[in-house]
């Protein structure tokens, strides 16, 4: 366990050091997209973790899956993970990169969870409010949750804000029960 934690920290630090500040958002998004693709498509995950397939062939799959030219820092870290047969550590790496960015005030990553896509105007209002509150840049990611009735939920590591219809109804019910 300690060895994997040390690897994750080393890879995250190397990833951030090798990525120009202005490219970090795009590089982190590429890692997150690869993680999501490996979660959604079990065949992709199987190929990416299969040590019997040459690393160079698996790297070609990574570029094809993400359908874009990736920053060299992303390619380097993914190649290192495959070579060490530790691709299964990708979720922890993505979380650790986010934590390091938050800790050093590079940027705070926030996920907006909503029932429908959020408009660009709404995204900018949320970003502006959070940047003013935290006094640091905010990088927004969006996830659709069709189980939500309406509203949105914001998540950033250990911080959570629920402005969903269900969340409001739950708080109202708790207030009524308490009185």
Foldseek 3Di string as FASTA:
>chain_A
DVVLVVLLLVLLVQLVVLADLVCVLVQLVLLVQLVVCVVVDVVLVCLLLDLVDDLVVNLVVSCVSSVDDHDVSNSVSSSVCNVVSNNVCSVVSSVVNQVVCVVVQSEFEKEKEWQDDDDPVVVVVVQVVVCVVVVGGYDYHYDHDNVFPGDIWMDTPVDIDDPTPVVVVVVVVVVVVVD
